[in-house]
Structures are given as structure tokens and as C-alpha cells.
Amino acid sequence: MRRTVLGILAALLMVASTSCSFSTKDPDYVPPAPLPPLEQLKQVPVTEQTSLAAGGDVTAFVTADHNIVCAMTSSRGGHLNLPYEANSYSDAANNKYAVVPVVHCELAAYTKPEADDIADDCAATGLGYLGGTVLLSPDKAVYGSCRSGVTQMESEFGPKGSRNGPVSKLRELAEGQNIERNGLRCSAYNQGVACGNVSGGVAFFVSRKGYQLVSDGGKTVRGNLKEPA
């Protein structure tokens, strides 16, 4: 009987030892490079947008590190419908303009625009063309804008931010998830955000480190992140 019990214990120990697995870090492993923005937007499944909605006409989200806020919204005559900044989108004077689907993003920490990507002289207003914002329309992406002072994102999550305001109340888009509205798609990945019109071959990627502006189906990439970010 004693031998039987010892045999059973030995068998159990053998099963236990063979069911355990141990992994060690491979010092030669090199993680794959992040996908280019358009490829990322094509491949990642789309998230339900209802949980991120900020209103009937806008879907807004913030990244997990609270460095980027984006609104999938609309523009009329250059006026944007933004849930986190005061704007004149609803003014009756804008009713004559066509409604265009757009994505607008703001960053708390960002790089300045490259000289070749400065899209406006600010109409001699004395305003500076600054980084920290990006706008996607169905046919192009533009980094930076004419403005003075800080954006709402900077005021909340910049170096001297309050950490309290409309951005702080938005839902997060998790790393690796996509969301789509009105034919435009966004993805939070690689510590940044990519948004694009996949069928039109236009996109951008933006992060703390820099930005990319993509056109011609991915053939043309501008900005200070020339390679996949």
C-alpha cells in the first residue's frame, strides 16, 4: 500500500511539473515596426461608437494618456462643431455653407509644424501658425492652425493644465481600437492617433513625438515623422 501511495504522489508531481511552462526574454527579439496610418486604419476592427458619443452630431474621445482629444464632427464654412471648445458653428450665418464631415484633434504636448506644412499666413492678423491641432477632411489632412493662446486640451492637460473641464469628462478610445463616423475612421495606437479617409487614401498620425500627413493612398508622407511612427 505504501508503494502505491508513493507511486501516485510521484505521478502527480510529474504531471504538475510537466504542466508548468517558463518563458525567458529573448535578447535578440525586435518588435515589429508600427503599421503606417492607412494600414492600421484598414486592419483594426471598428469599435462601437455609441459609448463614446458626446452628442447626436459629434463623436469625441480622448487617449488613455490624456494627451490627445479628437472630435469626429462636421464643418461649415471652416467653422467646426466641437464639444470641448466654444465655437460659432451654429450661427445662422453659416447655414449657407455645405456640411462637411471632418475629424479635429488637439494635443497637450506636441511638436511645431514643418515649414513646408504651414498652410496659412494667418491673413496678416498677427496670429501665429502653431502646432497642437490637426484637421482631417475627406480629401486632405492639415497639421497646425492660426491661433493665439492655448487650446482647450493644453488648458486642461498641458504643463500648467487644470486637469478639469470638458475634455476630462470624455470617454477613452483604448489603444489599438478604431472608431468610424461619416466615412472617416480613427485609431488610437503607438501612443498616438491616426485618422483617415481609407477609401480616399488620406490620413494623418499625430503624437507627442511628431506627426505625419498622408495622401495619394500612402505614397506621399509629409511631416516630421517620415517613416512609420
C-alpha atoms as a PDB file:
ATOM      1  CA  MET A   1       0.000   0.000   0.000  1.00  0.00           C
ATOM      2  CA  ARG A   2       2.826   2.380   0.888  1.00  0.00           C
ATOM      3  CA  ARG A   3       4.413   1.776  -2.524  1.00  0.00           C
ATOM      4  CA  THR A   4       1.084   2.517  -4.211  1.00  0.00           C
ATOM      5  CA  VAL A   5       0.704   5.832  -2.383  1.00  0.00           C
ATOM      6  CA  LEU A   6       4.287   6.807  -3.194  1.00  0.00           C
ATOM      7  CA  GLY A   7       3.704   5.886  -6.828  1.00  0.00           C
ATOM      8  CA  ILE A   8       0.602   8.045  -7.014  1.00  0.00           C
ATOM      9  CA  LEU A   9       2.407  11.013  -5.445  1.00  0.00           C
ATOM     10  CA  ALA A  10       5.287  10.614  -7.870  1.00  0.00           C
ATOM     11  CA  ALA A  11       2.886  10.561 -10.796  1.00  0.00           C
ATOM     12  CA  LEU A  12       1.112  13.692  -9.549  1.00  0.00           C
ATOM     13  CA  LEU A  13       4.404  15.507  -9.135  1.00  0.00           C
ATOM     14  CA  MET A  14       5.397  14.549 -12.667  1.00  0.00           C
ATOM     15  CA  VAL A  15       2.105  15.854 -14.090  1.00  0.00           C
ATOM     16  CA  ALA A  16       2.452  19.077 -12.119  1.00  0.00           C
ATOM     17  CA  SER A  17       5.989  19.626 -13.281  1.00  0.00           C
ATOM     18  CA  THR A  18       5.172  18.971 -16.938  1.00  0.00           C
ATOM     19  CA  SER A  19       2.119  21.302 -16.874  1.00  0.00           C
ATOM     20  CA  CYS A  20       4.207  24.307 -15.901  1.00  0.00           C
ATOM     21  CA  SER A  21       5.916  26.429 -18.548  1.00  0.00           C
ATOM     22  CA  PHE A  22       8.522  29.103 -18.177  1.00  0.00           C
ATOM     23  CA  SER A  23       9.435  31.839 -20.635  1.00  0.00           C
ATOM     24  CA  THR A  24      12.581  33.879 -20.834  1.00  0.00           C
ATOM     25  CA  LYS A  25      13.087  37.170 -22.636  1.00  0.00           C
ATOM     26  CA  ASP A  26      14.809  36.802 -25.965  1.00  0.00           C
ATOM     27  CA  PRO A  27      17.572  39.442 -26.036  1.00  0.00           C
ATOM     28  CA  ASP A  28      17.607  39.338 -29.844  1.00  0.00           C
ATOM     29  CA  TYR A  29      13.856  39.899 -30.283  1.00  0.00           C
ATOM     30  CA  VAL A  30      12.998  43.040 -32.219  1.00  0.00           C
ATOM     31  CA  PRO A  31       9.306  44.053 -32.093  1.00  0.00           C
ATOM     32  CA  PRO A  32       7.719  44.701 -35.485  1.00  0.00           C
ATOM     33  CA  ALA A  33       7.501  48.298 -36.648  1.00  0.00           C
ATOM     34  CA  PRO A  34       4.127  50.010 -36.211  1.00  0.00           C
ATOM     35  CA  LEU A  35       1.906  49.940 -39.260  1.00  0.00           C
ATOM     36  CA  PRO A  36       1.616  53.036 -41.451  1.00  0.00           C
ATOM     37  CA  PRO A  37      -1.551  55.002 -40.594  1.00  0.00           C
ATOM     38  CA  LEU A  38      -3.680  53.835 -43.532  1.00  0.00           C
ATOM     39  CA  GLU A  39      -2.779  50.186 -42.938  1.00  0.00           C
ATOM     40  CA  GLN A  40      -3.608  50.495 -39.238  1.00  0.00           C
ATOM     41  CA  LEU A  41      -6.989  52.003 -40.047  1.00  0.00           C
ATOM     42  CA  LYS A  42      -7.763  49.238 -42.545  1.00  0.00           C
ATOM     43  CA  GLN A  43      -6.896  46.293 -40.306  1.00  0.00           C
ATOM     44  CA  VAL A  44      -8.216  47.033 -36.818  1.00  0.00           C
ATOM     45  CA  PRO A  45     -11.890  46.157 -36.141  1.00  0.00           C
ATOM     46  CA  VAL A  46     -14.236  49.096 -35.601  1.00  0.00           C
ATOM     47  CA  THR A  47     -15.379  49.874 -32.052  1.00  0.00           C
ATOM     48  CA  GLU A  48     -18.993  50.666 -31.231  1.00  0.00           C
ATOM     49  CA  GLN A  49     -19.185  54.452 -31.365  1.00  0.00           C
ATOM     50  CA  THR A  50     -22.263  54.852 -29.185  1.00  0.00           C
ATOM     51  CA  SER A  51     -20.294  54.549 -25.926  1.00  0.00           C
ATOM     52  CA  LEU A  52     -18.063  57.456 -26.990  1.00  0.00           C
ATOM     53  CA  ALA A  53     -20.715  59.811 -28.306  1.00  0.00           C
ATOM     54  CA  ALA A  54     -20.581  63.356 -26.953  1.00  0.00           C
ATOM     55  CA  GLY A  55     -23.816  64.356 -28.645  1.00  0.00           C
ATOM     56  CA  GLY A  56     -26.044  63.490 -31.551  1.00  0.00           C
ATOM     57  CA  ASP A  57     -23.851  65.233 -34.103  1.00  0.00           C
ATOM     58  CA  VAL A  58     -20.393  64.579 -32.637  1.00  0.00           C
ATOM     59  CA  THR A  59     -18.392  61.559 -31.528  1.00  0.00           C
ATOM     60  CA  ALA A  60     -15.483  62.585 -29.303  1.00  0.00           C
ATOM     61  CA  PHE A  61     -12.793  60.674 -27.441  1.00  0.00           C
ATOM     62  CA  VAL A  62      -9.542  61.155 -25.558  1.00  0.00           C
ATOM     63  CA  THR A  63      -6.475  58.893 -25.484  1.00  0.00           C
ATOM     64  CA  ALA A  64      -5.610  56.905 -22.383  1.00  0.00           C
ATOM     65  CA  ASP A  65      -2.685  59.197 -21.528  1.00  0.00           C
ATOM     66  CA  HIS A  66      -4.919  62.256 -21.991  1.00  0.00           C
ATOM     67  CA  ASN A  67      -2.525  63.828 -24.467  1.00  0.00           C
ATOM     68  CA  ILE A  68      -4.872  63.831 -27.484  1.00  0.00           C
ATOM     69  CA  VAL A  69      -8.550  64.661 -27.777  1.00  0.00           C
ATOM     70  CA  CYS A  70     -10.440  64.215 -31.049  1.00  0.00           C
ATOM     71  CA  ALA A  71     -13.910  65.050 -32.331  1.00  0.00           C
ATOM     72  CA  MET A  72     -15.407  63.231 -35.294  1.00  0.00           C
ATOM     73  CA  THR A  73     -17.698  66.030 -36.301  1.00  0.00           C
ATOM     74  CA  SER A  74     -18.602  68.435 -39.130  1.00  0.00           C
ATOM     75  CA  SER A  75     -17.507  71.746 -40.590  1.00  0.00           C
ATOM     76  CA  ARG A  76     -19.499  74.559 -42.215  1.00  0.00           C
ATOM     77  CA  GLY A  77     -17.512  77.273 -43.942  1.00  0.00           C
ATOM     78  CA  GLY A  78     -14.477  76.464 -41.820  1.00  0.00           C
ATOM     79  CA  HIS A  79     -16.430  76.543 -38.557  1.00  0.00           C
ATOM     80  CA  LEU A  80     -16.146  73.341 -36.518  1.00  0.00           C
ATOM     81  CA  ASN A  81     -18.759  71.775 -34.260  1.00  0.00           C
ATOM     82  CA  LEU A  82     -16.601  70.956 -31.211  1.00  0.00           C
ATOM     83  CA  PRO A  83     -17.934  69.705 -27.865  1.00  0.00           C
ATOM     84  CA  TYR A  84     -14.857  70.870 -25.933  1.00  0.00           C
ATOM     85  CA  GLU A  85     -14.391  74.428 -27.256  1.00  0.00           C
ATOM     86  CA  ALA A  86     -16.705  77.387 -27.758  1.00  0.00           C
ATOM     87  CA  ASN A  87     -17.401  77.938 -31.455  1.00  0.00           C
ATOM     88  CA  SER A  88     -19.732  79.641 -33.899  1.00  0.00           C
ATOM     89  CA  TYR A  89     -20.731  76.546 -35.862  1.00  0.00           C
ATOM     90  CA  SER A  90     -24.431  77.002 -35.069  1.00  0.00           C
ATOM     91  CA  ASP A  91     -24.624  80.648 -36.141  1.00  0.00           C
ATOM     92  CA  ALA A  92     -27.394  81.213 -38.664  1.00  0.00           C
ATOM     93  CA  ALA A  93     -24.893  82.909 -40.999  1.00  0.00           C
ATOM     94  CA  ASN A  94     -23.227  79.530 -41.544  1.00  0.00           C
ATOM     95  CA  ASN A  95     -26.373  77.837 -42.827  1.00  0.00           C
ATOM     96  CA  LYS A  96     -25.430  78.746 -46.393  1.00  0.00           C
ATOM     97  CA  TYR A  97     -22.333  76.540 -46.241  1.00  0.00           C
ATOM     98  CA  ALA A  98     -22.247  72.833 -47.022  1.00  0.00           C
ATOM     99  CA  VAL A  99     -21.773  70.450 -44.104  1.00  0.00           C
ATOM    100  CA  VAL A 100     -18.502  68.518 -44.463  1.00  0.00           C
ATOM    101  CA  PRO A 101     -17.513  65.551 -42.247  1.00  0.00           C
ATOM    102  CA  VAL A 102     -14.177  66.160 -40.501  1.00  0.00           C
ATOM    103  CA  VAL A 103     -12.010  64.969 -37.646  1.00  0.00           C
ATOM    104  CA  HIS A 104     -10.376  67.572 -35.408  1.00  0.00           C
ATOM    105  CA  CYS A 105      -7.748  66.691 -32.786  1.00  0.00           C
ATOM    106  CA  GLU A 106      -5.875  68.727 -30.176  1.00  0.00           C
ATOM    107  CA  LEU A 107      -2.720  67.747 -28.266  1.00  0.00           C
ATOM    108  CA  ALA A 108      -1.496  68.725 -24.823  1.00  0.00           C
ATOM    109  CA  ALA A 109       2.171  68.165 -25.797  1.00  0.00           C
ATOM    110  CA  TYR A 110       3.251  68.442 -29.415  1.00  0.00           C
ATOM    111  CA  THR A 111       5.865  69.479 -31.955  1.00  0.00           C
ATOM    112  CA  LYS A 112       5.781  72.558 -34.183  1.00  0.00           C
ATOM    113  CA  PRO A 113       4.820  72.325 -37.871  1.00  0.00           C
ATOM    114  CA  GLU A 114       7.459  71.824 -40.522  1.00  0.00           C
ATOM    115  CA  ALA A 115       7.947  74.908 -42.701  1.00  0.00           C
ATOM    116  CA  ASP A 116       6.534  73.131 -45.767  1.00  0.00           C
ATOM    117  CA  ASP A 117       3.371  72.164 -43.864  1.00  0.00           C
ATOM    118  CA  ILE A 118       2.392  75.676 -42.762  1.00  0.00           C
ATOM    119  CA  ALA A 119      -0.856  76.039 -44.648  1.00  0.00           C
ATOM    120  CA  ASP A 120      -1.856  79.609 -43.811  1.00  0.00           C
ATOM    121  CA  ASP A 121      -0.274  83.052 -43.312  1.00  0.00           C
ATOM    122  CA  CYS A 122      -2.987  83.902 -40.779  1.00  0.00           C
ATOM    123  CA  ALA A 123      -4.267  86.697 -43.038  1.00  0.00           C
ATOM    124  CA  ALA A 124      -1.966  89.337 -41.517  1.00  0.00           C
ATOM    125  CA  THR A 125      -3.806  89.090 -38.198  1.00  0.00           C
ATOM    126  CA  GLY A 126      -0.649  88.695 -36.155  1.00  0.00           C
ATOM    127  CA  LEU A 127      -1.727  85.251 -35.034  1.00  0.00           C
ATOM    128  CA  GLY A 128       0.892  82.527 -35.162  1.00  0.00           C
ATOM    129  CA  TYR A 129       0.563  79.308 -37.141  1.00  0.00           C
ATOM    130  CA  LEU A 130       1.103  76.844 -34.318  1.00  0.00           C
ATOM    131  CA  GLY A 131       1.172  73.083 -33.830  1.00  0.00           C
ATOM    132  CA  GLY A 132      -1.011  71.130 -31.460  1.00  0.00           C
ATOM    133  CA  THR A 133      -4.030  70.707 -33.744  1.00  0.00           C
ATOM    134  CA  VAL A 134      -4.759  68.554 -36.769  1.00  0.00           C
ATOM    135  CA  LEU A 135      -7.764  68.583 -39.092  1.00  0.00           C
ATOM    136  CA  LEU A 136      -8.850  65.819 -41.455  1.00  0.00           C
ATOM    137  CA  SER A 137     -11.403  66.377 -44.204  1.00  0.00           C
ATOM    138  CA  PRO A 138     -12.368  63.763 -46.820  1.00  0.00           C
ATOM    139  CA  ASP A 139      -9.651  64.956 -49.220  1.00  0.00           C
ATOM    140  CA  LYS A 140      -6.774  66.277 -47.068  1.00  0.00           C
ATOM    141  CA  ALA A 141      -5.123  66.473 -43.647  1.00  0.00           C
ATOM    142  CA  VAL A 142      -3.582  69.645 -42.197  1.00  0.00           C
ATOM    143  CA  TYR A 143      -1.398  69.953 -39.096  1.00  0.00           C
ATOM    144  CA  GLY A 144      -1.375  73.195 -37.100  1.00  0.00           C
ATOM    145  CA  SER A 145      -3.564  76.276 -37.200  1.00  0.00           C
ATOM    146  CA  CYS A 146      -3.637  80.050 -36.822  1.00  0.00           C
ATOM    147  CA  ARG A 147      -4.326  80.901 -33.195  1.00  0.00           C
ATOM    148  CA  SER A 148      -3.185  82.828 -30.164  1.00  0.00           C
ATOM    149  CA  GLY A 149      -3.112  81.339 -26.704  1.00  0.00           C
ATOM    150  CA  VAL A 150      -3.669  77.727 -25.725  1.00  0.00           C
ATOM    151  CA  THR A 151      -6.217  75.186 -26.892  1.00  0.00           C
ATOM    152  CA  GLN A 152      -8.720  73.590 -24.539  1.00  0.00           C
ATOM    153  CA  MET A 153      -6.546  70.469 -24.459  1.00  0.00           C
ATOM    154  CA  GLU A 154      -3.497  72.478 -23.391  1.00  0.00           C
ATOM    155  CA  SER A 155      -5.501  74.328 -20.738  1.00  0.00           C
ATOM    156  CA  GLU A 156      -6.626  71.034 -19.215  1.00  0.00           C
ATOM    157  CA  PHE A 157      -3.694  68.667 -19.729  1.00  0.00           C
ATOM    158  CA  GLY A 158      -0.752  70.849 -20.724  1.00  0.00           C
ATOM    159  CA  PRO A 159       2.135  71.548 -18.305  1.00  0.00           C
ATOM    160  CA  LYS A 160       0.020  74.027 -16.334  1.00  0.00           C
ATOM    161  CA  GLY A 161      -3.310  72.371 -17.023  1.00  0.00           C
ATOM    162  CA  SER A 162      -6.260  72.257 -14.656  1.00  0.00           C
ATOM    163  CA  ARG A 163      -6.981  68.548 -15.286  1.00  0.00           C
ATOM    164  CA  ASN A 164     -10.629  69.557 -15.117  1.00  0.00           C
ATOM    165  CA  GLY A 165     -13.007  70.541 -17.896  1.00  0.00           C
ATOM    166  CA  PRO A 166     -14.946  69.125 -20.861  1.00  0.00           C
ATOM    167  CA  VAL A 167     -12.021  67.007 -22.119  1.00  0.00           C
ATOM    168  CA  SER A 168     -11.601  65.308 -18.745  1.00  0.00           C
ATOM    169  CA  LYS A 169     -15.185  64.036 -18.970  1.00  0.00           C
ATOM    170  CA  LEU A 170     -14.833  62.309 -22.361  1.00  0.00           C
ATOM    171  CA  ARG A 171     -14.550  58.551 -22.783  1.00  0.00           C
ATOM    172  CA  GLU A 172     -11.228  56.978 -23.737  1.00  0.00           C
ATOM    173  CA  LEU A 173     -10.531  55.194 -27.009  1.00  0.00           C
ATOM    174  CA  ALA A 174      -8.379  52.237 -25.989  1.00  0.00           C
ATOM    175  CA  GLU A 175      -5.005  51.564 -27.580  1.00  0.00           C
ATOM    176  CA  GLY A 176      -5.481  49.559 -30.785  1.00  0.00           C
ATOM    177  CA  GLN A 177      -9.165  50.334 -31.216  1.00  0.00           C
ATOM    178  CA  ASN A 178     -10.771  52.004 -34.238  1.00  0.00           C
ATOM    179  CA  ILE A 179     -13.864  54.141 -34.444  1.00  0.00           C
ATOM    180  CA  GLU A 180     -15.709  55.284 -37.570  1.00  0.00           C
ATOM    181  CA  ARG A 181     -18.173  58.057 -38.374  1.00  0.00           C
ATOM    182  CA  ASN A 182     -19.392  59.505 -41.677  1.00  0.00           C
ATOM    183  CA  GLY A 183     -16.794  57.609 -43.705  1.00  0.00           C
ATOM    184  CA  LEU A 184     -13.832  58.759 -41.574  1.00  0.00           C
ATOM    185  CA  ARG A 185     -12.014  56.405 -39.218  1.00  0.00           C
ATOM    186  CA  CYS A 186      -9.677  56.903 -36.236  1.00  0.00           C
ATOM    187  CA  SER A 187      -7.400  54.535 -34.325  1.00  0.00           C
ATOM    188  CA  ALA A 188      -5.508  55.010 -31.070  1.00  0.00           C
ATOM    189  CA  TYR A 189      -2.182  53.213 -31.462  1.00  0.00           C
ATOM    190  CA  ASN A 190       1.557  53.578 -30.954  1.00  0.00           C
ATOM    191  CA  GLN A 191       0.991  56.257 -28.287  1.00  0.00           C
ATOM    192  CA  GLY A 192      -0.822  58.481 -30.758  1.00  0.00           C
ATOM    193  CA  VAL A 193      -3.868  58.737 -33.008  1.00  0.00           C
ATOM    194  CA  ALA A 194      -4.302  58.009 -36.706  1.00  0.00           C
ATOM    195  CA  CYS A 195      -7.383  59.205 -38.563  1.00  0.00           C
ATOM    196  CA  GLY A 196      -8.180  58.896 -42.227  1.00  0.00           C
ATOM    197  CA  ASN A 197     -10.486  58.510 -45.166  1.00  0.00           C
ATOM    198  CA  VAL A 198      -9.421  54.975 -46.044  1.00  0.00           C
ATOM    199  CA  SER A 199     -11.205  54.856 -49.396  1.00  0.00           C
ATOM    200  CA  GLY A 200      -9.716  58.227 -50.367  1.00  0.00           C
ATOM    201  CA  GLY A 201      -6.169  57.340 -49.327  1.00  0.00           C
ATOM    202  CA  VAL A 202      -5.843  60.343 -46.969  1.00  0.00           C
ATOM    203  CA  ALA A 203      -4.787  60.143 -43.322  1.00  0.00           C
ATOM    204  CA  PHE A 204      -2.707  61.568 -40.508  1.00  0.00           C
ATOM    205  CA  PHE A 205      -0.840  60.240 -37.490  1.00  0.00           C
ATOM    206  CA  VAL A 206      -0.122  62.526 -34.542  1.00  0.00           C
ATOM    207  CA  SER A 207       1.622  62.003 -31.188  1.00  0.00           C
ATOM    208  CA  ARG A 208       3.865  63.782 -28.692  1.00  0.00           C
ATOM    209  CA  LYS A 209       6.842  62.944 -30.907  1.00  0.00           C
ATOM    210  CA  GLY A 210       5.527  64.412 -34.150  1.00  0.00           C
ATOM    211  CA  TYR A 211       3.089  63.997 -36.996  1.00  0.00           C
ATOM    212  CA  GLN A 212       2.562  62.526 -40.440  1.00  0.00           C
ATOM    213  CA  LEU A 213       0.274  63.787 -43.202  1.00  0.00           C
ATOM    214  CA  VAL A 214      -0.561  61.026 -45.686  1.00  0.00           C
ATOM    215  CA  SER A 215      -2.055  61.386 -49.169  1.00  0.00           C
ATOM    216  CA  ASP A 216      -2.101  59.625 -52.548  1.00  0.00           C
ATOM    217  CA  GLY A 217      -3.042  56.327 -50.944  1.00  0.00           C
ATOM    218  CA  GLY A 218       0.033  56.364 -48.744  1.00  0.00           C
ATOM    219  CA  LYS A 219       2.506  57.322 -51.462  1.00  0.00           C
ATOM    220  CA  THR A 220       3.067  60.838 -50.115  1.00  0.00           C
ATOM    221  CA  VAL A 221       4.008  61.375 -46.450  1.00  0.00           C
ATOM    222  CA  ARG A 222       4.843  64.789 -45.027  1.00  0.00           C
ATOM    223  CA  GLY A 223       5.672  65.937 -41.522  1.00  0.00           C
ATOM    224  CA  ASN A 224       8.481  65.281 -39.070  1.00  0.00           C
ATOM    225  CA  LEU A 225       7.816  61.539 -38.801  1.00  0.00           C
ATOM    226  CA  LYS A 226       8.709  60.437 -42.317  1.00  0.00           C
ATOM    227  CA  GLU A 227       8.780  56.699 -41.582  1.00  0.00           C
ATOM    228  CA  PRO A 228       6.029  54.723 -39.811  1.00  0.00           C
ATOM    229  CA  ALA A 229       5.786  56.381 -36.417  1.00  0.00           C
END
